[in-house]
């Protein structure tokens, strides 16, 4: 899945963001998938920043796991609330630099 600034990603058990296509990626969870895995298509250029916004559905907390090309802990959101995770590339992986859970 690729996207530009403010891109809304589909929702499935595996999503891939393309940092070359934008910097802000939005995921809205659904009750059909309890855990999703997010990968990045590339490691990014040194200093490149991206954000992943996760809007949890009202039926329960969903888990988002950052896999390939990320260095970050998983996020378990709060039902009906938004979480945001920010990353900066060190040219090897996207490193988590900040997170806000349940706003």
Protein backbone atom coordinates (compact mmCIF):
# COMPACT_ATOMS: atom_id res chain seq x y z
CA UNK A 1 0.00 0.00 0.00
CA UNK A 2 1.42 3.38 -0.91
CA UNK A 3 0.22 6.81 -0.03
CA UNK A 4 0.91 10.51 -0.06
CA UNK A 5 0.56 13.19 2.61
CA UNK A 6 -2.48 12.35 4.69
CA UNK A 7 -2.90 8.97 3.01
CA UNK A 8 -5.54 6.63 4.34
CA UNK A 9 -4.27 3.06 4.19
CA UNK A 10 -6.54 0.08 3.70
CA UNK A 11 -6.97 -2.18 6.67
CA UNK A 12 -5.78 -5.77 6.62
CA UNK A 13 -3.47 -7.98 8.65
CA UNK A 14 -0.38 -6.67 6.77
CA UNK A 15 0.14 -3.10 5.51
CA UNK A 16 3.16 -1.60 3.79
CA UNK A 17 3.83 2.13 3.84
CA UNK A 18 5.96 3.70 1.11
CA UNK A 19 7.91 6.59 2.70
CA UNK A 20 8.82 7.86 -0.77
CA UNK A 21 5.13 8.56 -1.43
CA UNK A 22 4.40 10.65 1.66
CA UNK A 23 5.01 11.26 5.34
CA UNK A 24 1.63 10.78 7.03
CA UNK A 25 -0.20 7.45 6.95
CA UNK A 26 -3.60 6.90 8.59
CA UNK A 27 -5.06 3.54 9.59
CA UNK A 28 -8.63 3.12 10.84
CA UNK A 29 -9.06 -0.23 12.57
CA UNK A 30 -12.02 -2.55 12.17
CA UNK A 31 -13.36 -5.42 14.22
CA UNK A 32 -12.48 -7.87 11.43
CA UNK A 33 -8.71 -7.70 12.15
CA UNK A 34 -7.46 -7.60 15.75
CA UNK A 35 -3.73 -7.29 14.97
CA UNK A 36 -2.03 -5.72 11.99
CA UNK A 37 1.61 -5.70 10.95
CA UNK A 38 3.03 -2.55 9.38
CA UNK A 39 6.10 -2.70 7.15
CA UNK A 40 7.98 0.04 5.30
CA UNK A 41 8.86 -0.57 1.66
CA UNK A 42 12.28 1.12 2.16
CA UNK A 43 14.45 2.22 5.11
CA UNK A 44 14.29 5.86 4.09
CA UNK A 45 16.96 8.49 3.74
CA UNK A 46 18.87 9.69 6.80
CA UNK A 47 16.64 12.11 8.73
CA UNK A 48 13.48 11.29 6.76
CA UNK A 49 10.40 11.45 8.99
CA UNK A 50 7.05 9.69 8.80
CA UNK A 51 4.03 9.40 11.07
CA UNK A 52 1.47 6.63 11.43
CA UNK A 53 -1.93 7.66 12.85
CA UNK A 54 -4.13 4.85 14.10
CA UNK A 55 -7.83 5.50 14.70
CA UNK A 56 -9.23 2.64 16.77
CA UNK A 57 -12.78 1.51 16.18
CA UNK A 58 -15.31 1.62 19.01
CA UNK A 59 -15.55 -2.14 19.49
CA UNK A 60 -12.21 -2.70 21.20
CA UNK A 61 -8.50 -2.05 21.34
CA UNK A 62 -6.50 -3.19 18.33
CA UNK A 63 -2.80 -4.02 18.20
CA UNK A 64 -0.43 -2.60 15.59
CA UNK A 65 2.98 -4.26 15.25
CA UNK A 66 5.80 -2.48 13.40
CA UNK A 67 7.91 -5.01 11.50
CA UNK A 68 10.30 -4.72 8.57
CA UNK A 69 12.36 -1.52 8.51
CA UNK A 70 11.05 -0.22 11.87
CA UNK A 71 12.52 -0.15 15.34
CA UNK A 72 9.51 0.35 17.59
CA UNK A 73 7.35 -1.37 20.15
CA UNK A 74 3.85 -2.41 19.16
CA UNK A 75 0.90 -0.14 19.89
CA UNK A 76 -2.26 -1.33 21.59
CA UNK A 77 -4.76 1.43 21.07
CA UNK A 78 -7.72 2.54 23.12
CA UNK A 79 -11.21 1.90 21.74
CA UNK A 80 -12.59 4.89 19.80
CA UNK A 81 -9.42 6.95 20.34
CA UNK A 82 -6.48 8.00 18.18
CA UNK A 83 -2.81 7.03 18.53
CA UNK A 84 0.12 8.58 16.64
CA UNK A 85 3.63 7.11 16.27
CA UNK A 86 6.44 9.21 14.76
CA UNK A 87 9.61 7.85 13.15
CA UNK A 88 12.92 9.18 11.83
CA UNK A 89 15.16 7.16 9.54
CA UNK A 90 18.78 6.53 10.44
CA UNK A 91 19.28 5.17 6.87
CA UNK A 92 19.07 1.60 8.23
CA UNK A 93 15.61 1.56 9.84
CA UNK A 94 12.84 3.95 10.88
CA UNK A 95 13.40 4.58 14.60
CA UNK A 96 10.47 5.54 16.81
CA UNK A 97 10.93 9.09 18.09
CA UNK A 98 7.57 9.77 19.75
CA UNK A 99 4.15 8.28 20.44
CA UNK A 100 0.83 9.52 21.71
CA UNK A 101 -1.74 6.92 22.74
CA UNK A 102 -5.45 7.42 23.35
CA UNK A 103 -6.24 11.00 22.41
